[in-house]
Amino acid sequence: MGMLLYIVFMHAIEFTAELSGQPVLTIPKEVAAQLPKEGRARIIVLTADGSDDAQWNGAAYEQFMRDDSPEDAVYDNYR
């Protein structure tokens, strides 16, 4: 019996929302306009984990923006 391979394509839309203590997240109009009119959506909510987040995010961004090491130059010509 053959094995079926299902590939699911997902379209991600990111936006920031303020939490107000109510069990409701408001989707901005410009974001809602990008959503399909019907179907299901997978929702993932990411929140700050503490006071160290800003420092960690800053350090991660700095590391990301640094030039690649010479060893990584081999990948520069791949498309």
Protein backbone atom coordinates (compact mmCIF):
# COMPACT_ATOMS: atom_id res chain seq x y z
CA MET A 1 0.00 0.00 0.00
CA GLY A 2 1.42 3.38 -1.02
CA MET A 3 1.86 6.24 1.35
CA LEU A 4 0.02 9.47 0.59
CA LEU A 5 1.86 12.70 1.19
CA TYR A 6 -0.25 15.71 2.07
CA ILE A 7 1.32 19.13 1.82
CA VAL A 8 -0.44 21.93 3.63
CA PHE A 9 0.27 25.47 2.53
CA MET A 10 -0.30 28.12 5.15
CA HIS A 11 -0.33 31.89 4.73
CA ALA A 12 0.88 33.80 7.79
CA ILE A 13 -0.35 37.27 8.69
CA GLU A 14 1.29 38.98 11.65
CA PHE A 15 0.00 41.89 13.68
CA THR A 16 0.35 43.27 17.18
CA ALA A 17 -2.59 43.62 19.56
CA GLU A 18 -2.98 45.16 22.99
CA LEU A 19 -4.28 42.84 25.69
CA SER A 20 -6.94 44.48 27.83
CA GLY A 21 -7.89 41.77 30.30
CA GLN A 22 -10.91 40.76 28.22
CA PRO A 23 -11.04 37.37 26.47
CA VAL A 24 -11.12 39.08 23.04
CA LEU A 25 -8.43 39.90 20.48
CA THR A 26 -9.36 42.54 17.92
CA ILE A 27 -8.16 41.94 14.38
CA PRO A 28 -7.25 45.20 12.61
CA LYS A 29 -9.37 45.97 9.52
CA GLU A 30 -6.38 45.87 7.16
CA VAL A 31 -5.48 42.41 8.47
CA ALA A 32 -9.08 41.16 8.29
CA ALA A 33 -9.17 42.22 4.63
CA GLN A 34 -6.32 39.76 3.92
CA LEU A 35 -8.14 36.81 5.48
CA PRO A 36 -10.27 34.35 3.51
CA LYS A 37 -14.03 34.93 3.86
CA GLU A 38 -14.58 31.42 5.23
CA GLY A 39 -12.71 28.36 6.43
CA ARG A 40 -10.54 27.64 9.43
CA ALA A 41 -7.58 29.58 10.78
CA ARG A 42 -4.82 28.50 13.12
CA ILE A 43 -4.18 31.17 15.74
CA ILE A 44 -0.92 31.42 17.71
CA VAL A 45 -0.56 34.10 20.38
CA LEU A 46 2.95 35.08 21.48
CA THR A 47 3.36 37.23 24.56
CA ALA A 48 6.36 38.71 26.34
CA ASP A 49 7.79 36.26 28.84
CA GLY A 50 9.33 38.75 31.24
CA SER A 51 11.62 41.71 31.68
CA ASP A 52 14.59 39.96 30.07
CA ASP A 53 12.79 39.77 26.72
CA ALA A 54 13.86 43.20 25.47
CA GLN A 55 17.50 42.51 26.30
CA TRP A 56 17.37 39.02 24.76
CA ASN A 57 15.60 40.30 21.63
CA GLY A 58 18.18 43.05 21.22
CA ALA A 59 21.07 40.61 21.54
CA ALA A 60 19.43 38.16 19.12
CA TYR A 61 18.87 40.94 16.57
CA GLU A 62 22.49 42.08 16.83
CA GLN A 63 23.70 38.52 16.31
CA PHE A 64 21.39 38.10 13.32
CA MET A 65 22.60 41.31 11.70
CA ARG A 66 26.31 40.47 12.03
CA ASP A 67 28.15 39.48 8.88
CA ASP A 68 28.26 35.79 8.09
CA SER A 69 31.33 33.88 9.04
CA PRO A 70 33.75 32.94 6.24
CA GLU A 71 32.49 29.35 6.47
CA ASP A 72 28.98 30.52 5.52
CA ALA A 73 30.18 32.27 2.35
CA VAL A 74 29.79 29.00 0.48
CA TYR A 75 25.99 29.46 0.65
CA ASP A 76 26.00 32.99 -0.83
CA ASN A 77 25.70 31.75 -4.41
CA TYR A 78 22.71 29.43 -3.88
CA ARG A 79 19.27 30.63 -4.91
